[in-house]
Amino acid sequence: MSSYKQFLAVQIIGATILSVIALGALWFFLGWFQKPATSPVVRVEEAKPQHGAEESEAAKHPAAVPTIHVPAHEAPHAVPKISTMPLESKLKGTAFVEATISVLDYELNKRFFGWRRNDLVRFTDNVENVQLGVLEVVRRASVNLAERISRHGATDIIDKNLENAMNWFMIKPDRYWLPSAEEKYNVGLEELHEYARKLKKGEARFYTRTDNLIPLLVSFADLLGGCDENLVKAKEEDGSPVSWFKVDDYFYYAKGVARAMGNILEAVSKDFSGVLEARYGIDLLEHAIHACHVGAELDPWLVTDASLDGVLANHRANMAASISHARYFLDALAKTLST
């Protein structure tokens, strides 16, 4: 009986030892294959093959390769790259500043022959008037940006770069030298670029309040009102009939206003989206933008000023329709935001 007890004890002890060894082995293998819960995880992008190296099938078809999360301690050779959303996409004001820059930069540096109003020989009257219309929109946008949109209140200091830009844009457009118009306009654009850089660094401000947006809309509507008056009037202030040459000037000036204003209003829809949605003004602004684009796209071979019921077109009246529509919707939007 005692020998049987000894045999049973040995069996129990042996079974216990084997169970412990088996559990330890199982724990070891599970720990080996399982990713540690406390290991930091980084997103690693696959490195491009060196010159002359054969590309793998995964590199040839990157769309089919899923994103792989590798523990940091298991990928010492890989340089982790963390994907973040660009800060610029979240910054209010960059779209407005960039639109203001782009419309004038095109006339100064990208249009053939550049700025033409101060040329010694002036033979492109139509383009000159388009440029004058663009310039006037940029002037009003820069004034509102410097005096209102970039300031917290009337006692806040005006941003120096915006003040400089506002002043340089006021140089007469036909100034040939000391200083030349295009030289100082380009300096003004550089000041706006510097303000945009400060916005991205958090060193400047852009306040998207209704009391900042309303004066801009009113200023644009007033400019459209002047264009509308010139497009529909039959006589000049001295009582003389509107000549064909003035008809041409009025048409292309309004075209420049519509082109620049449409682009800047698109930027307004992005930067002021919060207040526009809160006051149900998105549709009104979109109608104004559309009207500006329609006017900007009018491009007749020859501007005619025929009677409204005649065979020939009255291009001045066609432009007036788009301009008056844009003015109406901007006035309605300003009233909507003020209530």
Protein backbone atom coordinates (compact mmCIF):
# COMPACT_ATOMS: atom_id res chain seq x y z
CA MET A 1 0.00 0.00 0.00
CA SER A 2 2.84 2.35 0.84
CA SER A 3 4.50 1.57 -2.49
CA TYR A 4 1.24 2.45 -4.26
CA LYS A 5 1.09 5.82 -2.44
CA GLN A 6 4.67 6.55 -3.46
CA PHE A 7 3.85 5.69 -7.08
CA LEU A 8 0.74 7.93 -7.00
CA ALA A 9 2.70 10.84 -5.48
CA VAL A 10 5.36 10.53 -8.17
CA GLN A 11 2.68 10.56 -10.89
CA ILE A 12 0.97 13.62 -9.41
CA ILE A 13 4.24 15.52 -9.03
CA GLY A 14 5.33 14.59 -12.55
CA ALA A 15 2.01 15.62 -14.03
CA THR A 16 2.17 18.94 -12.20
CA ILE A 17 5.70 19.60 -13.47
CA LEU A 18 4.72 18.74 -17.05
CA SER A 19 1.64 20.97 -16.82
CA VAL A 20 3.75 23.90 -15.62
CA ILE A 21 6.25 23.34 -18.42
CA ALA A 22 3.47 23.11 -21.01
CA LEU A 23 1.76 26.29 -19.77
CA GLY A 24 5.10 28.12 -19.74
CA ALA A 25 5.85 27.04 -23.28
CA LEU A 26 2.37 28.10 -24.43
CA TRP A 27 2.71 31.49 -22.72
CA PHE A 28 6.14 31.97 -24.33
CA PHE A 29 4.88 31.25 -27.86
CA LEU A 30 1.80 33.44 -27.41
CA GLY A 31 3.96 36.28 -26.16
CA TRP A 32 6.29 35.84 -29.11
CA PHE A 33 3.63 36.15 -31.77
CA GLN A 34 1.35 38.64 -30.07
CA LYS A 35 2.08 42.37 -30.42
CA PRO A 36 2.78 43.95 -27.01
CA ALA A 37 -0.09 46.17 -25.90
CA THR A 38 2.24 48.78 -24.44
CA SER A 39 4.50 49.11 -27.45
CA PRO A 40 4.29 52.51 -29.16
CA VAL A 41 2.91 52.24 -32.71
CA VAL A 42 4.08 54.50 -35.52
CA ARG A 43 2.99 54.67 -39.11
CA VAL A 44 5.87 53.74 -41.36
CA GLU A 45 5.87 54.56 -45.04
CA GLU A 46 7.69 52.20 -47.35
CA ALA A 47 11.02 53.59 -48.51
CA LYS A 48 11.56 54.06 -52.23
CA PRO A 49 14.05 51.62 -53.83
CA GLN A 50 17.53 52.88 -54.54
CA HIS A 51 18.62 53.67 -58.07
CA GLY A 52 19.13 50.47 -60.00
CA ALA A 53 17.33 48.29 -57.47
CA GLU A 54 14.47 46.11 -58.58
CA GLU A 55 11.07 47.24 -57.42
CA SER A 56 8.92 44.77 -55.54
CA GLU A 57 5.40 43.91 -56.61
CA ALA A 58 4.06 45.93 -53.68
CA ALA A 59 5.99 49.01 -54.82
CA LYS A 60 4.64 48.64 -58.34
CA HIS A 61 1.07 48.49 -57.02
CA PRO A 62 0.98 50.78 -54.02
CA ALA A 63 -2.79 51.06 -54.04
CA ALA A 64 -3.09 47.36 -53.21
CA VAL A 65 -0.76 47.51 -50.23
CA PRO A 66 -2.53 48.17 -46.90
CA THR A 67 -1.08 50.49 -44.30
CA ILE A 68 1.11 48.44 -41.92
CA HIS A 69 1.56 49.43 -38.28
CA VAL A 70 4.92 48.21 -37.01
CA PRO A 71 6.09 48.42 -33.38
CA ALA A 72 8.90 50.91 -33.00
CA HIS A 73 11.28 48.38 -31.45
CA GLU A 74 10.80 45.97 -34.37
CA ALA A 75 11.55 48.52 -37.12
CA PRO A 76 14.74 50.31 -36.09
CA HIS A 77 15.76 50.78 -39.72
CA ALA A 78 12.56 52.66 -40.68
CA VAL A 79 12.15 56.39 -40.21
CA PRO A 80 8.67 57.01 -38.77
CA LYS A 81 6.59 59.66 -40.49
CA ILE A 82 3.45 60.82 -38.75
CA SER A 83 0.64 61.92 -41.05
CA THR A 84 -0.96 65.17 -39.91
CA MET A 85 -3.38 67.58 -41.57
CA PRO A 86 -1.59 70.72 -42.86
CA LEU A 87 -2.11 73.68 -40.57
CA GLU A 88 -2.74 75.95 -43.57
CA SER A 89 -6.00 74.15 -44.35
CA LYS A 90 -7.35 75.17 -40.94
CA LEU A 91 -6.25 78.79 -41.05
CA LYS A 92 -8.87 81.44 -41.71
CA GLY A 93 -7.77 84.30 -43.92
CA THR A 94 -5.28 82.55 -46.18
CA ALA A 95 -7.83 82.05 -48.97
CA PHE A 96 -8.85 85.74 -48.87
CA VAL A 97 -5.26 87.00 -48.94
CA GLU A 98 -4.19 84.59 -51.67
CA ALA A 99 -7.17 85.54 -53.86
CA THR A 100 -6.40 89.25 -53.44
CA ILE A 101 -2.79 88.60 -54.40
CA SER A 102 -3.54 86.38 -57.38
CA VAL A 103 -5.94 88.70 -59.23
CA LEU A 104 -3.46 91.60 -59.26
CA ASP A 105 -0.38 89.41 -59.69
CA TYR A 106 -1.84 88.13 -62.95
CA GLU A 107 -2.18 91.66 -64.34
CA LEU A 108 1.31 92.66 -63.22
CA ASN A 109 3.43 89.61 -63.92
CA LYS A 110 1.54 86.99 -65.90
CA ARG A 111 -0.36 88.95 -68.52
CA PHE A 112 1.47 89.56 -71.80
CA PHE A 113 3.14 93.00 -71.60
CA GLY A 114 2.26 93.20 -67.91
CA TRP A 115 0.85 96.44 -66.49
CA ARG A 116 -0.10 98.65 -69.42
CA ARG A 117 -1.73 101.76 -68.00
CA ASN A 118 1.62 103.58 -67.66
CA ASP A 119 3.17 102.45 -70.94
CA LEU A 120 4.63 105.22 -73.10
CA VAL A 121 2.81 103.78 -76.11
CA ARG A 122 -0.71 102.68 -75.19
CA PHE A 123 -2.50 100.66 -77.84
CA THR A 124 -4.48 98.13 -75.78
CA ASP A 125 -7.23 100.26 -74.32
CA ASN A 126 -9.46 97.31 -73.42
CA VAL A 127 -6.86 95.52 -71.28
CA GLU A 128 -5.97 98.77 -69.55
CA ASN A 129 -9.55 99.25 -68.40
CA VAL A 130 -9.79 95.64 -67.23
CA GLN A 131 -6.66 96.24 -65.15
CA LEU A 132 -8.14 99.40 -63.65
CA GLY A 133 -11.23 97.45 -62.58
CA VAL A 134 -9.10 94.73 -60.98
CA LEU A 135 -7.00 97.34 -59.18
CA GLU A 136 -10.04 99.05 -57.67
CA VAL A 137 -11.34 95.76 -56.25
CA VAL A 138 -7.93 94.97 -54.75
CA ARG A 139 -7.76 98.44 -53.22
CA ARG A 140 -11.10 98.01 -51.47
CA ALA A 141 -10.25 94.50 -50.31
CA SER A 142 -6.88 95.61 -48.88
CA VAL A 143 -8.43 98.62 -47.09
CA ASN A 144 -11.08 96.47 -45.42
CA LEU A 145 -8.48 93.86 -44.54
CA ALA A 146 -6.14 96.40 -42.94
CA GLU A 147 -8.71 98.55 -41.14
CA ARG A 148 -11.28 95.96 -40.06
CA ILE A 149 -10.81 92.26 -40.76
CA SER A 150 -7.31 92.02 -39.27
CA ARG A 151 -8.18 94.08 -36.16
CA HIS A 152 -10.07 93.16 -33.03
CA GLY A 153 -11.53 96.63 -32.72
CA ALA A 154 -11.08 100.29 -33.60
CA THR A 155 -8.40 100.72 -30.93
CA ASP A 156 -6.32 97.76 -32.16
CA ILE A 157 -3.06 98.53 -33.98
CA ILE A 158 -3.14 98.19 -37.78
CA ASP A 159 -0.85 95.45 -39.06
CA LYS A 160 2.23 97.14 -40.54
CA ASN A 161 2.42 94.91 -43.62
CA LEU A 162 -1.24 95.51 -44.43
CA GLU A 163 -0.85 99.24 -43.91
CA ASN A 164 2.08 99.29 -46.33
CA ALA A 165 0.20 97.23 -48.90
CA MET A 166 -2.85 99.47 -48.66
CA ASN A 167 -0.71 102.56 -49.25
CA TRP A 168 1.28 101.10 -52.17
CA PHE A 169 -1.91 100.09 -53.99
CA MET A 170 -3.01 103.73 -53.90
CA ILE A 171 -0.21 104.78 -56.28
CA LYS A 172 -1.70 106.20 -59.48
CA PRO A 173 -1.95 103.46 -62.11
CA ASP A 174 -0.45 105.62 -64.87
CA ARG A 175 2.64 106.52 -62.84
CA TYR A 176 5.66 105.73 -65.03
CA TRP A 177 8.54 106.19 -62.60
CA LEU A 178 9.65 107.59 -59.22
CA PRO A 179 7.93 105.35 -58.32
CA SER A 180 6.45 103.29 -61.13
CA ALA A 181 3.01 101.80 -60.60
CA GLU A 182 3.92 98.16 -61.23
CA GLU A 183 6.99 98.38 -59.01
CA LYS A 184 5.05 99.55 -56.00
CA TYR A 185 2.09 97.28 -56.67
CA ASN A 186 4.50 94.33 -56.56
CA VAL A 187 5.90 95.65 -53.29
CA GLY A 188 2.34 95.74 -51.98
CA LEU A 189 1.87 92.11 -53.00
CA GLU A 190 5.01 91.19 -51.08
CA GLU A 191 3.55 92.86 -48.00
CA LEU A 192 0.43 90.72 -48.39
CA HIS A 193 2.62 87.63 -48.75
CA GLU A 194 4.35 88.53 -45.50
CA TYR A 195 1.00 88.96 -43.75
CA ALA A 196 -0.06 85.51 -45.01
CA ARG A 197 3.18 84.01 -43.64
CA LYS A 198 2.47 85.61 -40.27
CA LEU A 199 -1.03 84.17 -40.33
CA LYS A 200 0.41 80.68 -40.76
CA LYS A 201 2.82 81.25 -37.88
CA GLY A 202 0.09 82.57 -35.60
CA GLU A 203 1.65 86.03 -35.52
CA ALA A 204 -1.26 87.81 -37.24
CA ARG A 205 -5.02 87.74 -36.91
CA PHE A 206 -8.03 87.41 -39.24
CA TYR A 207 -11.37 87.99 -37.53
CA THR A 208 -14.34 86.38 -39.32
CA ARG A 209 -17.09 88.41 -37.67
CA THR A 210 -20.20 89.76 -39.36
CA ASP A 211 -19.27 93.34 -38.47
CA ASN A 212 -16.04 92.83 -40.43
CA LEU A 213 -17.68 91.21 -43.45
CA ILE A 214 -20.57 93.65 -43.87
CA PRO A 215 -18.39 96.73 -44.68
CA LEU A 216 -16.52 94.70 -47.31
CA LEU A 217 -19.79 93.65 -48.94
CA VAL A 218 -21.13 97.20 -48.84
CA SER A 219 -17.92 98.54 -50.38
CA PHE A 220 -18.09 95.97 -53.19
CA ALA A 221 -21.78 96.71 -53.77
CA ASP A 222 -21.03 100.45 -54.03
CA LEU A 223 -18.35 99.75 -56.64
CA LEU A 224 -20.79 97.60 -58.60
CA GLY A 225 -23.34 100.42 -58.34
CA GLY A 226 -20.93 102.83 -60.04
CA CYS A 227 -20.28 100.30 -62.79
CA ASP A 228 -24.01 99.73 -63.22
CA GLU A 229 -24.66 103.46 -63.59
CA ASN A 230 -22.01 103.81 -66.32
CA LEU A 231 -23.40 100.79 -68.15
CA VAL A 232 -27.00 102.02 -68.36
CA LYS A 233 -26.73 105.80 -68.63
CA ALA A 234 -27.50 107.49 -71.94
CA LYS A 235 -25.73 110.80 -71.27
CA GLU A 236 -22.57 111.94 -69.54
CA GLU A 237 -22.57 114.44 -66.68
CA ASP A 238 -22.10 117.35 -69.10
CA GLY A 239 -25.21 116.30 -71.05
CA SER A 240 -23.38 114.86 -74.05
CA PRO A 241 -24.36 111.40 -75.28
CA VAL A 242 -22.15 108.49 -74.27
CA SER A 243 -19.62 108.01 -77.06
CA TRP A 244 -18.61 104.64 -78.49
CA PHE A 245 -15.15 105.05 -76.95
CA LYS A 246 -16.62 105.52 -73.45
CA VAL A 247 -18.97 102.59 -73.96
CA ASP A 248 -15.92 100.44 -74.61
CA ASP A 249 -14.17 101.77 -71.49
CA TYR A 250 -17.18 101.24 -69.23
CA PHE A 251 -17.66 97.69 -70.48
CA TYR A 252 -14.09 96.52 -69.88
CA TYR A 253 -13.73 98.30 -66.55
CA ALA A 254 -16.82 96.44 -65.32
CA LYS A 255 -15.37 93.21 -66.72
CA GLY A 256 -12.22 93.70 -64.61
CA VAL A 257 -14.31 94.45 -61.54
CA ALA A 258 -16.41 91.32 -62.07
CA ARG A 259 -13.36 89.11 -62.59
CA ALA A 260 -11.48 90.22 -59.46
CA MET A 261 -14.57 90.44 -57.27
CA GLY A 262 -15.76 86.95 -58.22
CA ASN A 263 -12.44 85.41 -57.18
CA ILE A 264 -12.28 87.29 -53.89
CA LEU A 265 -15.90 86.49 -53.04
CA GLU A 266 -15.13 82.80 -53.54
CA ALA A 267 -12.42 83.18 -50.90
CA VAL A 268 -14.94 84.95 -48.65
CA SER A 269 -17.22 81.91 -48.91
CA LYS A 270 -14.39 79.77 -47.50
CA ASP A 271 -12.99 82.02 -44.79
CA PHE A 272 -16.36 83.33 -43.57
CA SER A 273 -18.23 80.04 -43.99
CA GLY A 274 -19.15 79.91 -40.30
CA VAL A 275 -21.02 83.22 -40.12
CA LEU A 276 -22.53 82.74 -43.58
CA GLU A 277 -24.00 79.37 -42.63
CA ALA A 278 -25.22 80.67 -39.27
CA ARG A 279 -27.08 83.56 -40.96
CA TYR A 280 -28.25 81.56 -44.00
CA GLY A 281 -26.22 83.67 -46.40
CA ILE A 282 -24.48 80.97 -48.44
CA ASP A 283 -27.04 80.99 -51.26
CA LEU A 284 -27.00 84.78 -51.60
CA LEU A 285 -23.22 84.83 -51.86
CA GLU A 286 -23.21 82.02 -54.41
CA HIS A 287 -25.67 83.97 -56.56
CA ALA A 288 -23.41 87.03 -56.38
CA ILE A 289 -20.35 84.96 -57.33
CA HIS A 290 -22.18 83.42 -60.28
CA ALA A 291 -23.27 86.84 -61.55
CA CYS A 292 -19.68 88.10 -61.34
CA HIS A 293 -18.41 85.10 -63.30
CA VAL A 294 -21.03 85.63 -66.00
CA GLY A 295 -19.92 89.24 -66.42
CA ALA A 296 -16.23 88.28 -66.41
CA GLU A 297 -16.81 85.76 -69.21
CA LEU A 298 -18.42 88.25 -71.62
CA ASP A 299 -15.81 88.67 -74.34
CA PRO A 300 -17.22 90.13 -77.58
CA TRP A 301 -15.03 90.69 -80.61
CA LEU A 302 -16.43 94.19 -80.85
CA VAL A 303 -18.41 96.03 -78.20
CA THR A 304 -21.63 97.35 -79.69
CA ASP A 305 -24.16 99.65 -78.07
CA ALA A 306 -27.21 99.07 -80.22
CA SER A 307 -30.76 99.66 -79.10
CA LEU A 308 -32.21 97.13 -76.73
CA ASP A 309 -34.71 95.90 -79.32
CA GLY A 310 -32.35 96.12 -82.29
CA VAL A 311 -30.66 93.46 -84.40
CA LEU A 312 -27.17 94.08 -83.02
CA ALA A 313 -26.24 93.32 -79.44
CA ASN A 314 -26.10 95.89 -76.69
CA HIS A 315 -23.06 94.60 -74.82
CA ARG A 316 -23.23 97.40 -72.30
CA ALA A 317 -26.72 96.28 -71.29
CA ASN A 318 -25.62 92.62 -71.18
CA MET A 319 -22.81 93.49 -68.79
CA ALA A 320 -25.17 95.70 -66.76
CA ALA A 321 -27.49 92.73 -66.18
CA SER A 322 -24.71 90.69 -64.53
CA ILE A 323 -23.37 93.63 -62.56
CA SER A 324 -26.80 94.61 -61.23
CA HIS A 325 -27.51 91.02 -60.22
CA ALA A 326 -24.25 90.81 -58.28
CA ARG A 327 -24.97 94.14 -56.62
CA TYR A 328 -28.48 93.06 -55.63
CA PHE A 329 -27.32 89.85 -53.97
CA LEU A 330 -24.47 91.56 -52.11
CA ASP A 331 -26.87 94.19 -50.77
CA ALA A 332 -29.29 91.43 -49.72
CA LEU A 333 -26.48 89.51 -48.05
CA ALA A 334 -25.30 92.58 -46.12
CA LYS A 335 -28.85 93.15 -44.85
CA THR A 336 -29.22 89.49 -43.92
CA LEU A 337 -26.00 89.53 -41.92
CA SER A 338 -26.96 92.74 -40.13
CA THR A 339 -30.27 91.38 -38.79
